[in-house]
Amino acid sequence: MNAMTEASALSAANAVPVHDANRLTEGGQTAHIHLNGQLYCLRITRVNKLILTK
């Protein structure tokens, strides 16, 4: 089972949405996320870790 299939199965079992970070960043390194009037930056590092900052 690949990682996305595993994530989808886990999501279905727990009823929690799963989002692919590469799709959120559209193949780049950053995505902006808006929540309750605040803007956050999601960044993928060189070692494929995620950092979320305000």
PDB file of N, CA and C in Angstrom:
ATOM      1  N   MET A   1       0.858  -1.173   0.000  1.00  0.00           N
ATOM      2  CA  MET A   1       0.000   0.000   0.000  1.00  0.00           C
ATOM      3  C   MET A   1       0.904   1.236   0.000  1.00  0.00           C
ATOM      4  N   ASN A   2       0.647   2.213  -0.897  1.00  0.00           N
ATOM      5  CA  ASN A   2       1.493   3.405  -0.924  1.00  0.00           C
ATOM      6  C   ASN A   2       1.037   4.418   0.125  1.00  0.00           C
ATOM      7  N   ALA A   3       1.842   5.454   0.326  1.00  0.00           N
ATOM      8  CA  ALA A   3       1.578   6.426   1.396  1.00  0.00           C
ATOM      9  C   ALA A   3       0.239   7.120   1.226  1.00  0.00           C
ATOM     10  N   MET A   4      -0.128   7.485  -0.009  1.00  0.00           N
ATOM     11  CA  MET A   4      -1.395   8.182  -0.220  1.00  0.00           C
ATOM     12  C   MET A   4      -2.571   7.246   0.030  1.00  0.00           C
ATOM     13  N   THR A   5      -2.464   5.990  -0.369  1.00  0.00           N
ATOM     14  CA  THR A   5      -3.525   5.024  -0.114  1.00  0.00           C
ATOM     15  C   THR A   5      -3.672   4.812   1.390  1.00  0.00           C
ATOM     16  N   GLU A   6      -2.551   4.709   2.099  1.00  0.00           N
ATOM     17  CA  GLU A   6      -2.590   4.556   3.551  1.00  0.00           C
ATOM     18  C   GLU A   6      -3.229   5.774   4.203  1.00  0.00           C
ATOM     19  N   ALA A   7      -2.867   6.968   3.725  1.00  0.00           N
ATOM     20  CA  ALA A   7      -3.438   8.197   4.270  1.00  0.00           C
ATOM     21  C   ALA A   7      -4.934   8.262   4.001  1.00  0.00           C
ATOM     22  N   SER A   8      -5.349   7.848   2.819  1.00  0.00           N
ATOM     23  CA  SER A   8      -6.767   7.845   2.482  1.00  0.00           C
ATOM     24  C   SER A   8      -7.534   6.864   3.354  1.00  0.00           C
ATOM     25  N   ALA A   9      -6.966   5.696   3.593  1.00  0.00           N
ATOM     26  CA  ALA A   9      -7.611   4.699   4.435  1.00  0.00           C
ATOM     27  C   ALA A   9      -7.713   5.199   5.864  1.00  0.00           C
ATOM     28  N   LEU A  10      -6.649   5.824   6.355  1.00  0.00           N
ATOM     29  CA  LEU A  10      -6.668   6.375   7.703  1.00  0.00           C
ATOM     30  C   LEU A  10      -7.698   7.488   7.807  1.00  0.00           C
ATOM     31  N   SER A  11      -7.760   8.337   6.787  1.00  0.00           N
ATOM     32  CA  SER A  11      -8.722   9.431   6.774  1.00  0.00           C
ATOM     33  C   SER A  11     -10.146   8.902   6.816  1.00  0.00           C
ATOM     34  N   ALA A  12     -10.435   7.904   6.014  1.00  0.00           N
ATOM     35  CA  ALA A  12     -11.780   7.334   5.972  1.00  0.00           C
ATOM     36  C   ALA A  12     -12.138   6.698   7.308  1.00  0.00           C
ATOM     37  N   ALA A  13     -11.175   6.036   7.921  1.00  0.00           N
ATOM     38  CA  ALA A  13     -11.428   5.366   9.192  1.00  0.00           C
ATOM     39  C   ALA A  13     -11.673   6.366  10.310  1.00  0.00           C
ATOM     40  N   ASN A  14     -11.004   7.513  10.267  1.00  0.00           N
ATOM     41  CA  ASN A  14     -11.119   8.499  11.338  1.00  0.00           C
ATOM     42  C   ASN A  14     -11.989   9.698  10.976  1.00  0.00           C
ATOM     43  N   ALA A  15     -12.502   9.763   9.762  1.00  0.00           N
ATOM     44  CA  ALA A  15     -13.320  10.870   9.268  1.00  0.00           C
ATOM     45  C   ALA A  15     -12.600  12.206   9.414  1.00  0.00           C
ATOM     46  N   VAL A  16     -11.283  12.204   9.146  1.00  0.00           N
ATOM     47  CA  VAL A  16     -10.469  13.416   9.179  1.00  0.00           C
ATOM     48  C   VAL A  16      -9.906  13.624   7.776  1.00  0.00           C
ATOM     49  N   PRO A  17     -10.049  14.839   7.213  1.00  0.00           N
ATOM     50  CA  PRO A  17      -9.528  15.059   5.867  1.00  0.00           C
ATOM     51  C   PRO A  17      -8.012  14.946   5.811  1.00  0.00           C
ATOM     52  N   VAL A  18      -7.505  14.405   4.709  1.00  0.00           N
ATOM     53  CA  VAL A  18      -6.070  14.302   4.466  1.00  0.00           C
ATOM     54  C   VAL A  18      -5.759  15.128   3.226  1.00  0.00           C
ATOM     55  N   HIS A  19      -4.746  15.998   3.337  1.00  0.00           N
ATOM     56  CA  HIS A  19      -4.360  16.853   2.221  1.00  0.00           C
ATOM     57  C   HIS A  19      -2.896  16.612   1.898  1.00  0.00           C
ATOM     58  N   ASP A  20      -2.581  16.499   0.630  1.00  0.00           N
ATOM     59  CA  ASP A  20      -1.213  16.307   0.174  1.00  0.00           C
ATOM     60  C   ASP A  20      -0.509  17.669   0.153  1.00  0.00           C
ATOM     61  N   ALA A  21       0.578  17.811   0.904  1.00  0.00           N
ATOM     62  CA  ALA A  21       1.295  19.082   1.000  1.00  0.00           C
ATOM     63  C   ALA A  21       1.815  19.543  -0.364  1.00  0.00           C
ATOM     64  N   ASN A  22       2.215  18.612  -1.208  1.00  0.00           N
ATOM     65  CA  ASN A  22       2.699  18.993  -2.540  1.00  0.00           C
ATOM     66  C   ASN A  22       1.591  19.580  -3.396  1.00  0.00           C
ATOM     67  N   ARG A  23       0.381  19.117  -3.207  1.00  0.00           N
ATOM     68  CA  ARG A  23      -0.752  19.693  -3.948  1.00  0.00           C
ATOM     69  C   ARG A  23      -1.095  21.069  -3.388  1.00  0.00           C
ATOM     70  N   LEU A  24      -1.004  21.222  -2.058  1.00  0.00           N
ATOM     71  CA  LEU A  24      -1.281  22.527  -1.446  1.00  0.00           C
ATOM     72  C   LEU A  24      -0.294  23.581  -1.930  1.00  0.00           C
ATOM     73  N   THR A  25       0.964  23.183  -2.110  1.00  0.00           N
ATOM     74  CA  THR A  25       1.989  24.128  -2.561  1.00  0.00           C
ATOM     75  C   THR A  25       2.090  24.186  -4.082  1.00  0.00           C
ATOM     76  N   GLU A  26       1.253  23.421  -4.758  1.00  0.00           N
ATOM     77  CA  GLU A  26       1.242  23.352  -6.226  1.00  0.00           C
ATOM     78  C   GLU A  26       2.635  23.055  -6.774  1.00  0.00           C
ATOM     79  N   GLY A  27       3.340  22.117  -6.112  1.00  0.00           N
ATOM     80  CA  GLY A  27       4.658  21.703  -6.567  1.00  0.00           C
ATOM     81  C   GLY A  27       5.798  22.590  -6.087  1.00  0.00           C
ATOM     82  N   GLY A  28       5.477  23.677  -5.405  1.00  0.00           N
ATOM     83  CA  GLY A  28       6.509  24.581  -4.904  1.00  0.00           C
ATOM     84  C   GLY A  28       6.893  24.226  -3.478  1.00  0.00           C
ATOM     85  N   GLN A  29       7.399  25.218  -2.762  1.00  0.00           N
ATOM     86  CA  GLN A  29       7.849  24.997  -1.390  1.00  0.00           C
ATOM     87  C   GLN A  29       6.929  25.624  -0.348  1.00  0.00           C
ATOM     88  N   THR A  30       6.051  26.559  -0.750  1.00  0.00           N
ATOM     89  CA  THR A  30       5.206  27.252   0.233  1.00  0.00           C
ATOM     90  C   THR A  30       3.756  27.351  -0.222  1.00  0.00           C
ATOM     91  N   ALA A  31       2.887  27.440   0.771  1.00  0.00           N
ATOM     92  CA  ALA A  31       1.465  27.698   0.528  1.00  0.00           C
ATOM     93  C   ALA A  31       0.992  28.628   1.633  1.00  0.00           C
ATOM     94  N   HIS A  32       0.069  29.511   1.310  1.00  0.00           N
ATOM     95  CA  HIS A  32      -0.525  30.375   2.316  1.00  0.00           C
ATOM     96  C   HIS A  32      -1.889  29.819   2.687  1.00  0.00           C
ATOM     97  N   ILE A  33      -2.162  29.824   3.988  1.00  0.00           N
ATOM     98  CA  ILE A  33      -3.414  29.282   4.508  1.00  0.00           C
ATOM     99  C   ILE A  33      -4.087  30.372   5.321  1.00  0.00           C
ATOM    100  N   HIS A  34      -5.347  30.642   5.013  1.00  0.00           N
ATOM    101  CA  HIS A  34      -6.103  31.688   5.684  1.00  0.00           C
ATOM    102  C   HIS A  34      -7.068  31.048   6.670  1.00  0.00           C
ATOM    103  N   LEU A  35      -7.056  31.521   7.927  1.00  0.00           N
ATOM    104  CA  LEU A  35      -7.956  31.002   8.959  1.00  0.00           C
ATOM    105  C   LEU A  35      -8.360  32.130   9.897  1.00  0.00           C
ATOM    106  N   ASN A  36      -9.641  32.386   9.991  1.00  0.00           N
ATOM    107  CA  ASN A  36     -10.183  33.390  10.920  1.00  0.00           C
ATOM    108  C   ASN A  36      -9.461  34.732  10.855  1.00  0.00           C
ATOM    109  N   GLY A  37      -9.242  35.222   9.648  1.00  0.00           N
ATOM    110  CA  GLY A  37      -8.608  36.522   9.474  1.00  0.00           C
ATOM    111  C   GLY A  37      -7.098  36.520   9.617  1.00  0.00           C
ATOM    112  N   GLN A  38      -6.499  35.360   9.869  1.00  0.00           N
ATOM    113  CA  GLN A  38      -5.046  35.244  10.015  1.00  0.00           C
ATOM    114  C   GLN A  38      -4.477  34.505   8.802  1.00  0.00           C
ATOM    115  N   LEU A  39      -3.310  34.932   8.372  1.00  0.00           N
ATOM    116  CA  LEU A  39      -2.646  34.281   7.253  1.00  0.00           C
ATOM    117  C   LEU A  39      -1.445  33.504   7.778  1.00  0.00           C
ATOM    118  N   TYR A  40      -1.364  32.234   7.413  1.00  0.00           N
ATOM    119  CA  TYR A  40      -0.283  31.350   7.835  1.00  0.00           C
ATOM    120  C   TYR A  40       0.502  30.920   6.606  1.00  0.00           C
ATOM    121  N   CYS A  41       1.751  30.567   6.830  1.00  0.00           N
ATOM    122  CA  CYS A  41       2.607  30.080   5.748  1.00  0.00           C
ATOM    123  C   CYS A  41       3.014  28.639   6.052  1.00  0.00           C
ATOM    124  N   LEU A  42       2.699  27.739   5.138  1.00  0.00           N
ATOM    125  CA  LEU A  42       3.119  26.345   5.233  1.00  0.00           C
ATOM    126  C   LEU A  42       4.318  26.177   4.321  1.00  0.00           C
ATOM    127  N   ARG A  43       5.424  25.696   4.872  1.00  0.00           N
ATOM    128  CA  ARG A  43       6.653  25.561   4.089  1.00  0.00           C
ATOM    129  C   ARG A  43       7.176  24.138   4.171  1.00  0.00           C
ATOM    130  N   ILE A  44       7.626  23.617   3.016  1.00  0.00           N
ATOM    131  CA  ILE A  44       8.280  22.315   2.955  1.00  0.00           C
ATOM    132  C   ILE A  44       9.783  22.584   2.954  1.00  0.00           C
ATOM    133  N   THR A  45      10.500  22.003   3.925  1.00  0.00           N
ATOM    134  CA  THR A  45      11.938  22.228   4.035  1.00  0.00           C
ATOM    135  C   THR A  45      12.710  21.339   3.059  1.00  0.00           C
ATOM    136  N   ARG A  46      14.035  21.553   3.004  1.00  0.00           N
ATOM    137  CA  ARG A  46      14.898  20.749   2.132  1.00  0.00           C
ATOM    138  C   ARG A  46      14.920  19.289   2.525  1.00  0.00           C
ATOM    139  N   VAL A  47      14.621  18.990   3.793  1.00  0.00           N
ATOM    140  CA  VAL A  47      14.604  17.593   4.253  1.00  0.00           C
ATOM    141  C   VAL A  47      13.175  17.058   4.373  1.00  0.00           C
ATOM    142  N   ASN A  48      12.241  17.697   3.636  1.00  0.00           N
ATOM    143  CA  ASN A  48      10.842  17.284   3.546  1.00  0.00           C
ATOM    144  C   ASN A  48      10.101  17.259   4.878  1.00  0.00           C
ATOM    145  N   LYS A  49      10.358  18.272   5.695  1.00  0.00           N
ATOM    146  CA  LYS A  49       9.586  18.486   6.921  1.00  0.00           C
ATOM    147  C   LYS A  49       8.670  19.675   6.655  1.00  0.00           C
ATOM    148  N   LEU A  50       7.572  19.742   7.408  1.00  0.00           N
ATOM    149  CA  LEU A  50       6.642  20.858   7.260  1.00  0.00           C
ATOM    150  C   LEU A  50       6.793  21.837   8.406  1.00  0.00           C
ATOM    151  N   ILE A  51       6.755  23.138   8.060  1.00  0.00           N
ATOM    152  CA  ILE A  51       6.784  24.194   9.058  1.00  0.00           C
ATOM    153  C   ILE A  51       5.598  25.105   8.776  1.00  0.00           C
ATOM    154  N   LEU A  52       4.788  25.359   9.815  1.00  0.00           N
ATOM    155  CA  LEU A  52       3.642  26.263   9.711  1.00  0.00           C
ATOM    156  C   LEU A  52       3.920  27.463  10.590  1.00  0.00           C
ATOM    157  N   THR A  53       3.945  28.664   9.983  1.00  0.00           N
ATOM    158  CA  THR A  53       4.203  29.896  10.729  1.00  0.00           C
ATOM    159  C   THR A  53       3.133  30.927  10.454  1.00  0.00           C
ATOM    160  N   LYS A  54       3.028  31.875  11.371  1.00  0.00           N
ATOM    161  CA  LYS A  54       2.090  32.990  11.205  1.00  0.00           C
ATOM    162  C   LYS A  54       2.739  34.082  10.413  1.00  0.00           C
TER     163      LYS A  54
END
